[in-house]
Amino acid sequence: MAAALTLAGLTFVTGAPPVGAASPKSMFGAGFQVITGGGGVSSASAQFTVPDISCHALHDVEAIYPGVWVLDGVGTVKQEVDINAYCVDNVAHVSDAICIVGGTPGCVSNLSVSPGDRIIASFSESAVATQGEIYDLTTNLSDQITNGTAAPTPDASVFIGDIGPHLAGYTHVPTFTSIPFSKVQVNGRYLFQNSPEFFSLRTASAVQVRISSYRQDGDAFVTSYQHY
């Protein structure tokens, strides 16, 4: 199985349309981005379901990475708390991945997860500690990294949703139905209170994963498979 994923990010488009409007298309991922500015990202969390993916024989590698991603001011992924759902040689794999700046080790991938498991991905950062955790509500098991020594990183935004395969050098996502996200909060506020920008995932030619508008109390959304 592949090691925990670390990615160099892209700069997001600014200026989100109103909720209910067509979402902009990004090769980065399908989800919501909250720009926190000088205040940084003190906390971010979401619940979601591990997708049941299927693979295509036409491509050796396909991937989708649902979770919480913390970025710097130029859009580079610095820290992540997510699930890797990917295909290698037409075989499906799922695993957790947590990477924290200054953590020992910097990345972990120790948790056994299965399609259909309900996951809590959480990130917190203060002057004294930074922590990322994947908690599996289905199995009652968890994986985490805590860094209590390094200074907080200069975070500028957080992305919650599905990172696509593009930044890992791949071009397609595996087939899945949908990934429901709920209880999404950033810096102690509901998703809608943070004026997020939202994106659907595209390749150079087609939308592969589409995102819904807010649901429930403005703290939930769904990403849906659209195209191989």
C-alpha atoms as a PDB file:
ATOM      1  CA  MET A   1       0.000   0.000   0.000  1.00  0.00           C
ATOM      2  CA  ALA A   2       1.132   3.541  -0.689  1.00  0.00           C
ATOM      3  CA  ALA A   3       2.627   5.709   2.036  1.00  0.00           C
ATOM      4  CA  ALA A   4       0.727   8.656   3.468  1.00  0.00           C
ATOM      5  CA  LEU A   5       0.172  11.249   0.778  1.00  0.00           C
ATOM      6  CA  THR A   6       1.793  14.681   0.875  1.00  0.00           C
ATOM      7  CA  LEU A   7       1.034  17.153  -1.890  1.00  0.00           C
ATOM      8  CA  ALA A   8       2.182  20.513  -3.174  1.00  0.00           C
ATOM      9  CA  GLY A   9      -0.974  22.593  -3.595  1.00  0.00           C
ATOM     10  CA  LEU A  10      -2.281  25.050  -6.107  1.00  0.00           C
ATOM     11  CA  THR A  11      -3.547  28.596  -5.577  1.00  0.00           C
ATOM     12  CA  PHE A  12      -7.341  28.676  -5.427  1.00  0.00           C
ATOM     13  CA  VAL A  13      -9.582  30.961  -7.425  1.00  0.00           C
ATOM     14  CA  THR A  14     -11.079  33.731  -5.274  1.00  0.00           C
ATOM     15  CA  GLY A  15     -14.625  35.030  -5.291  1.00  0.00           C
ATOM     16  CA  ALA A  16     -17.153  32.298  -4.536  1.00  0.00           C
ATOM     17  CA  PRO A  17     -20.597  32.341  -6.137  1.00  0.00           C
ATOM     18  CA  PRO A  18     -23.658  32.364  -3.876  1.00  0.00           C
ATOM     19  CA  VAL A  19     -24.878  29.066  -2.468  1.00  0.00           C
ATOM     20  CA  GLY A  20     -26.941  27.241  -5.090  1.00  0.00           C
ATOM     21  CA  ALA A  21     -24.982  28.673  -8.016  1.00  0.00           C
ATOM     22  CA  ALA A  22     -22.867  26.493 -10.277  1.00  0.00           C
ATOM     23  CA  SER A  23     -19.556  25.731  -8.575  1.00  0.00           C
ATOM     24  CA  PRO A  24     -16.232  26.741 -10.128  1.00  0.00           C
ATOM     25  CA  LYS A  25     -14.128  23.875 -11.448  1.00  0.00           C
ATOM     26  CA  SER A  26     -10.760  23.135  -9.882  1.00  0.00           C
ATOM     27  CA  MET A  27      -8.113  20.513 -10.583  1.00  0.00           C
ATOM     28  CA  PHE A  28      -7.292  20.674  -6.850  1.00  0.00           C
ATOM     29  CA  GLY A  29     -10.428  19.040  -5.514  1.00  0.00           C
ATOM     30  CA  ALA A  30     -14.159  19.063  -4.787  1.00  0.00           C
ATOM     31  CA  GLY A  31     -14.982  20.781  -1.520  1.00  0.00           C
ATOM     32  CA  PHE A  32     -15.118  23.998   0.461  1.00  0.00           C
ATOM     33  CA  GLN A  33     -12.164  26.284   1.140  1.00  0.00           C
ATOM     34  CA  VAL A  34     -12.162  28.712   4.060  1.00  0.00           C
ATOM     35  CA  ILE A  35      -9.617  31.527   3.897  1.00  0.00           C
ATOM     36  CA  THR A  36      -8.663  32.397   7.466  1.00  0.00           C
ATOM     37  CA  GLY A  37      -6.205  35.197   6.726  1.00  0.00           C
ATOM     38  CA  GLY A  38      -3.927  36.445   9.489  1.00  0.00           C
ATOM     39  CA  GLY A  39      -5.835  34.549  12.164  1.00  0.00           C
ATOM     40  CA  GLY A  40      -4.731  31.194  10.799  1.00  0.00           C
ATOM     41  CA  VAL A  41      -6.412  27.827  11.252  1.00  0.00           C
ATOM     42  CA  SER A  42      -6.873  27.017  14.933  1.00  0.00           C
ATOM     43  CA  SER A  43      -9.229  24.081  14.337  1.00  0.00           C
ATOM     44  CA  ALA A  44     -11.033  22.249  11.561  1.00  0.00           C
ATOM     45  CA  SER A  45     -13.093  19.072  11.615  1.00  0.00           C
ATOM     46  CA  ALA A  46     -15.560  17.037   9.589  1.00  0.00           C
ATOM     47  CA  GLN A  47     -17.345  13.713   9.600  1.00  0.00           C
ATOM     48  CA  PHE A  48     -17.566  11.687   6.385  1.00  0.00           C
ATOM     49  CA  THR A  49     -18.041   8.145   5.150  1.00  0.00           C
ATOM     50  CA  VAL A  50     -15.172   6.158   3.610  1.00  0.00           C
ATOM     51  CA  PRO A  51     -16.178   5.616  -0.034  1.00  0.00           C
ATOM     52  CA  ASP A  52     -16.627   2.155  -1.523  1.00  0.00           C
ATOM     53  CA  ILE A  53     -14.496   2.556  -4.635  1.00  0.00           C
ATOM     54  CA  SER A  54     -14.154   0.400  -7.734  1.00  0.00           C
ATOM     55  CA  CYS A  55     -11.304   0.475 -10.210  1.00  0.00           C
ATOM     56  CA  HIS A  56     -10.908   0.729 -13.967  1.00  0.00           C
ATOM     57  CA  ALA A  57      -8.458  -1.497 -15.767  1.00  0.00           C
ATOM     58  CA  LEU A  58      -7.569   1.341 -18.160  1.00  0.00           C
ATOM     59  CA  HIS A  59      -5.436   3.204 -15.608  1.00  0.00           C
ATOM     60  CA  ASP A  60      -2.824   1.843 -13.226  1.00  0.00           C
ATOM     61  CA  VAL A  61      -3.525   4.484 -10.568  1.00  0.00           C
ATOM     62  CA  GLU A  62      -6.746   6.296  -9.651  1.00  0.00           C
ATOM     63  CA  ALA A  63      -7.261   8.240  -6.423  1.00  0.00           C
ATOM     64  CA  ILE A  64      -9.540  10.393  -4.271  1.00  0.00           C
ATOM     65  CA  TYR A  65      -8.595  11.784  -0.849  1.00  0.00           C
ATOM     66  CA  PRO A  66     -11.461  12.981   1.399  1.00  0.00           C
ATOM     67  CA  GLY A  67     -10.540  14.897   4.539  1.00  0.00           C
ATOM     68  CA  VAL A  68      -9.159  18.120   6.008  1.00  0.00           C
ATOM     69  CA  TRP A  69      -6.273  19.941   4.343  1.00  0.00           C
ATOM     70  CA  VAL A  70      -4.411  22.980   5.736  1.00  0.00           C
ATOM     71  CA  LEU A  71      -2.693  25.307   3.244  1.00  0.00           C
ATOM     72  CA  ASP A  72      -0.280  28.218   3.352  1.00  0.00           C
ATOM     73  CA  GLY A  73      -0.709  31.585   1.645  1.00  0.00           C
ATOM     74  CA  VAL A  74       0.314  30.355  -1.796  1.00  0.00           C
ATOM     75  CA  GLY A  75      -1.953  27.315  -1.732  1.00  0.00           C
ATOM     76  CA  THR A  76       0.578  24.659  -0.752  1.00  0.00           C
ATOM     77  CA  VAL A  77      -0.738  21.802   1.364  1.00  0.00           C
ATOM     78  CA  LYS A  78       1.167  21.921   4.656  1.00  0.00           C
ATOM     79  CA  GLN A  79      -0.837  19.559   6.890  1.00  0.00           C
ATOM     80  CA  GLU A  80      -3.479  16.910   6.245  1.00  0.00           C
ATOM     81  CA  VAL A  81      -5.916  14.615   8.012  1.00  0.00           C
ATOM     82  CA  ASP A  82      -7.577  12.398   5.447  1.00  0.00           C
ATOM     83  CA  ILE A  83      -8.405   9.018   3.971  1.00  0.00           C
ATOM     84  CA  ASN A  84      -6.533   7.750   0.917  1.00  0.00           C
ATOM     85  CA  ALA A  85      -8.912   5.836  -1.386  1.00  0.00           C
ATOM     86  CA  TYR A  86      -7.004   4.682  -4.437  1.00  0.00           C
ATOM     87  CA  CYS A  87      -6.463   1.961  -7.023  1.00  0.00           C
ATOM     88  CA  VAL A  88      -3.128   0.450  -8.012  1.00  0.00           C
ATOM     89  CA  ASP A  89      -3.056  -2.137 -10.818  1.00  0.00           C
ATOM     90  CA  ASN A  90      -6.860  -2.397 -10.652  1.00  0.00           C
ATOM     91  CA  VAL A  91      -6.848  -3.216  -6.904  1.00  0.00           C
ATOM     92  CA  ALA A  92      -8.669  -0.907  -4.455  1.00  0.00           C
ATOM     93  CA  HIS A  93      -7.023   0.306  -1.226  1.00  0.00           C
ATOM     94  CA  VAL A  94      -8.143   2.586   1.625  1.00  0.00           C
ATOM     95  CA  SER A  95      -5.983   3.900   4.461  1.00  0.00           C
ATOM     96  CA  ASP A  96      -5.718   6.908   6.739  1.00  0.00           C
ATOM     97  CA  ALA A  97      -3.081   9.608   6.305  1.00  0.00           C
ATOM     98  CA  ILE A  98      -2.122  12.272   8.846  1.00  0.00           C
ATOM     99  CA  CYS A  99       0.760  14.709   8.303  1.00  0.00           C
ATOM    100  CA  ILE A 100       1.575  17.429  10.861  1.00  0.00           C
ATOM    101  CA  VAL A 101       4.432  19.937  10.613  1.00  0.00           C
ATOM    102  CA  GLY A 102       6.988  19.151  13.324  1.00  0.00           C
ATOM    103  CA  GLY A 103       5.315  15.911  14.311  1.00  0.00           C
ATOM    104  CA  THR A 104       7.351  12.838  15.229  1.00  0.00           C
ATOM    105  CA  PRO A 105       6.993  11.145  12.853  1.00  0.00           C
ATOM    106  CA  GLY A 106       5.793  13.792  10.400  1.00  0.00           C
ATOM    107  CA  CYS A 107       3.225  11.464   8.838  1.00  0.00           C
ATOM    108  CA  VAL A 108       1.394   8.355  10.029  1.00  0.00           C
ATOM    109  CA  SER A 109      -0.869   5.820   8.376  1.00  0.00           C
ATOM    110  CA  ASN A 110      -1.597   3.219  11.055  1.00  0.00           C
ATOM    111  CA  LEU A 111      -5.369   2.832  11.076  1.00  0.00           C
ATOM    112  CA  SER A 112      -7.214   0.014   9.344  1.00  0.00           C
ATOM    113  CA  VAL A 113     -10.335   1.506   7.744  1.00  0.00           C
ATOM    114  CA  SER A 114     -13.001  -0.020   5.513  1.00  0.00           C
ATOM    115  CA  PRO A 115     -15.539   1.289   3.007  1.00  0.00           C
ATOM    116  CA  GLY A 116     -18.634   2.492   4.823  1.00  0.00           C
ATOM    117  CA  ASP A 117     -16.805   3.424   8.030  1.00  0.00           C
ATOM    118  CA  ARG A 118     -17.855   6.778   9.455  1.00  0.00           C
ATOM    119  CA  ILE A 119     -14.800   8.964  10.097  1.00  0.00           C
ATOM    120  CA  ILE A 120     -14.101  12.084  12.151  1.00  0.00           C
ATOM    121  CA  ALA A 121     -11.128  14.002  10.741  1.00  0.00           C
ATOM    122  CA  SER A 122      -9.935  16.752  13.082  1.00  0.00           C
ATOM    123  CA  PHE A 123      -7.091  19.270  13.161  1.00  0.00           C
ATOM    124  CA  SER A 124      -6.182  21.683  15.952  1.00  0.00           C
ATOM    125  CA  GLU A 125      -3.336  24.138  16.386  1.00  0.00           C
ATOM    126  CA  SER A 126      -2.358  26.414  19.259  1.00  0.00           C
ATOM    127  CA  ALA A 127       0.745  28.068  20.637  1.00  0.00           C
ATOM    128  CA  VAL A 128       1.621  24.885  22.539  1.00  0.00           C
ATOM    129  CA  ALA A 129       0.512  21.978  20.338  1.00  0.00           C
ATOM    130  CA  THR A 130      -0.669  20.922  16.897  1.00  0.00           C
ATOM    131  CA  GLN A 131      -2.669  17.727  16.473  1.00  0.00           C
ATOM    132  CA  GLY A 132      -4.274  15.759  13.674  1.00  0.00           C
ATOM    133  CA  GLU A 133      -6.549  12.807  14.344  1.00  0.00           C
ATOM    134  CA  ILE A 134      -8.594  10.285  12.414  1.00  0.00           C
ATOM    135  CA  TYR A 135     -11.256   8.660  14.613  1.00  0.00           C
ATOM    136  CA  ASP A 136     -13.259   5.773  13.178  1.00  0.00           C
ATOM    137  CA  LEU A 137     -16.740   5.904  14.696  1.00  0.00           C
ATOM    138  CA  THR A 138     -17.534   2.471  13.273  1.00  0.00           C
ATOM    139  CA  THR A 139     -14.637   0.617  14.914  1.00  0.00           C
ATOM    140  CA  ASN A 140     -13.957   3.009  17.806  1.00  0.00           C
ATOM    141  CA  LEU A 141     -10.276   3.141  16.827  1.00  0.00           C
ATOM    142  CA  SER A 142      -8.116   6.179  16.104  1.00  0.00           C
ATOM    143  CA  ASP A 143      -4.790   7.376  14.733  1.00  0.00           C
ATOM    144  CA  GLN A 144      -3.129  10.691  15.542  1.00  0.00           C
ATOM    145  CA  ILE A 145      -0.017  12.867  15.604  1.00  0.00           C
ATOM    146  CA  THR A 146       0.627  15.528  18.242  1.00  0.00           C
ATOM    147  CA  ASN A 147       3.408  18.103  17.948  1.00  0.00           C
ATOM    148  CA  GLY A 148       3.977  20.005  21.161  1.00  0.00           C
ATOM    149  CA  THR A 149       7.266  21.724  20.381  1.00  0.00           C
ATOM    150  CA  ALA A 150       7.316  23.492  17.023  1.00  0.00           C
ATOM    151  CA  ALA A 151       5.762  26.925  16.563  1.00  0.00           C
ATOM    152  CA  PRO A 152       2.389  27.095  14.783  1.00  0.00           C
ATOM    153  CA  THR A 153       2.633  27.134  11.003  1.00  0.00           C
ATOM    154  CA  PRO A 154       1.519  30.237   9.052  1.00  0.00           C
ATOM    155  CA  ASP A 155      -1.750  28.716   7.819  1.00  0.00           C
ATOM    156  CA  ALA A 156      -3.846  30.807   5.461  1.00  0.00           C
ATOM    157  CA  SER A 157      -6.728  28.500   4.587  1.00  0.00           C
ATOM    158  CA  VAL A 158      -8.293  25.096   5.098  1.00  0.00           C
ATOM    159  CA  PHE A 159      -9.900  22.887   2.448  1.00  0.00           C
ATOM    160  CA  ILE A 160     -12.492  20.294   3.485  1.00  0.00           C
ATOM    161  CA  GLY A 161     -13.685  17.786   0.904  1.00  0.00           C
ATOM    162  CA  ASP A 162     -12.044  15.545  -1.682  1.00  0.00           C
ATOM    163  CA  ILE A 163      -8.558  16.299  -2.947  1.00  0.00           C
ATOM    164  CA  GLY A 164      -8.256  14.949  -6.468  1.00  0.00           C
ATOM    165  CA  PRO A 165      -5.520  12.866  -8.090  1.00  0.00           C
ATOM    166  CA  HIS A 166      -3.958  15.698 -10.106  1.00  0.00           C
ATOM    167  CA  LEU A 167      -1.416  16.866  -7.540  1.00  0.00           C
ATOM    168  CA  ALA A 168      -0.153  13.316  -7.066  1.00  0.00           C
ATOM    169  CA  GLY A 169       0.444  13.089 -10.795  1.00  0.00           C
ATOM    170  CA  TYR A 170      -2.628  10.976 -11.626  1.00  0.00           C
ATOM    171  CA  THR A 171      -5.504  11.820 -13.945  1.00  0.00           C
ATOM    172  CA  HIS A 172      -8.588   9.858 -12.859  1.00  0.00           C
ATOM    173  CA  VAL A 173     -10.687   9.126  -9.812  1.00  0.00           C
ATOM    174  CA  PRO A 174     -12.019   5.647  -9.019  1.00  0.00           C
ATOM    175  CA  THR A 175     -15.749   5.044  -9.341  1.00  0.00           C
ATOM    176  CA  PHE A 176     -17.798   5.709  -6.195  1.00  0.00           C
ATOM    177  CA  THR A 177     -21.316   6.895  -5.483  1.00  0.00           C
ATOM    178  CA  SER A 178     -21.002   9.829  -3.085  1.00  0.00           C
ATOM    179  CA  ILE A 179     -19.216  10.978   0.068  1.00  0.00           C
ATOM    180  CA  PRO A 180     -21.450  12.708   2.641  1.00  0.00           C
ATOM    181  CA  PHE A 181     -19.730  15.275   4.875  1.00  0.00           C
ATOM    182  CA  SER A 182     -21.374  16.594   8.056  1.00  0.00           C
ATOM    183  CA  LYS A 183     -20.580  18.489  11.273  1.00  0.00           C
ATOM    184  CA  VAL A 184     -18.087  20.577   9.323  1.00  0.00           C
ATOM    185  CA  GLN A 185     -16.550  23.353  11.415  1.00  0.00           C
ATOM    186  CA  VAL A 186     -13.606  25.723  11.011  1.00  0.00           C
ATOM    187  CA  ASN A 187     -12.250  27.723  13.955  1.00  0.00           C
ATOM    188  CA  GLY A 188     -15.264  26.740  16.045  1.00  0.00           C
ATOM    189  CA  ARG A 189     -17.805  28.040  13.521  1.00  0.00           C
ATOM    190  CA  TYR A 190     -20.194  26.215  11.217  1.00  0.00           C
ATOM    191  CA  LEU A 191     -19.049  25.944   7.611  1.00  0.00           C
ATOM    192  CA  PHE A 192     -21.542  28.513   6.289  1.00  0.00           C
ATOM    193  CA  GLN A 193     -20.437  31.075   8.899  1.00  0.00           C
ATOM    194  CA  ASN A 194     -16.935  31.131   7.405  1.00  0.00           C
ATOM    195  CA  SER A 195     -17.996  32.426   3.936  1.00  0.00           C
ATOM    196  CA  PRO A 196     -16.305  29.523   2.144  1.00  0.00           C
ATOM    197  CA  GLU A 197     -15.531  29.172  -1.525  1.00  0.00           C
ATOM    198  CA  PHE A 198     -16.587  25.898  -3.108  1.00  0.00           C
ATOM    199  CA  PHE A 199     -15.340  23.864  -6.039  1.00  0.00           C
ATOM    200  CA  SER A 200     -16.084  20.806  -8.149  1.00  0.00           C
ATOM    201  CA  LEU A 201     -13.181  18.617  -9.253  1.00  0.00           C
ATOM    202  CA  ARG A 202     -12.299  18.555 -12.911  1.00  0.00           C
ATOM    203  CA  THR A 203      -9.595  17.227 -15.139  1.00  0.00           C
ATOM    204  CA  ALA A 204      -8.480  19.175 -18.190  1.00  0.00           C
ATOM    205  CA  SER A 205     -11.623  18.074 -20.006  1.00  0.00           C
ATOM    206  CA  ALA A 206     -14.370  16.891 -17.636  1.00  0.00           C
ATOM    207  CA  VAL A 207     -15.846  17.290 -14.160  1.00  0.00           C
ATOM    208  CA  GLN A 208     -15.080  14.104 -12.217  1.00  0.00           C
ATOM    209  CA  VAL A 209     -16.555  14.943  -8.793  1.00  0.00           C
ATOM    210  CA  ARG A 210     -19.386  17.398  -8.199  1.00  0.00           C
ATOM    211  CA  ILE A 211     -20.144  19.186  -4.933  1.00  0.00           C
ATOM    212  CA  SER A 212     -23.555  20.022  -3.494  1.00  0.00           C
ATOM    213  CA  SER A 213     -24.484  23.284  -1.796  1.00  0.00           C
ATOM    214  CA  TYR A 214     -24.870  23.438   1.983  1.00  0.00           C
ATOM    215  CA  ARG A 215     -27.198  20.981   3.638  1.00  0.00           C
ATOM    216  CA  GLN A 216     -28.795  20.587   7.073  1.00  0.00           C
ATOM    217  CA  ASP A 217     -27.709  23.486   9.305  1.00  0.00           C
ATOM    218  CA  GLY A 218     -25.129  24.800   6.870  1.00  0.00           C
ATOM    219  CA  ASP A 219     -22.502  22.382   8.162  1.00  0.00           C
ATOM    220  CA  ALA A 220     -22.965  19.522   5.683  1.00  0.00           C
ATOM    221  CA  PHE A 221     -22.489  18.806   1.970  1.00  0.00           C
ATOM    222  CA  VAL A 222     -22.083  15.865  -0.397  1.00  0.00           C
ATOM    223  CA  THR A 223     -19.500  15.163  -3.089  1.00  0.00           C
ATOM    224  CA  SER A 224     -20.714  12.898  -5.899  1.00  0.00           C
ATOM    225  CA  TYR A 225     -18.955  10.884  -8.573  1.00  0.00           C
ATOM    226  CA  GLN A 226     -19.636  12.391 -11.979  1.00  0.00           C
ATOM    227  CA  HIS A 227     -17.279  11.053 -14.620  1.00  0.00           C
ATOM    228  CA  TYR A 228     -14.295   8.762 -15.029  1.00  0.00           C
END
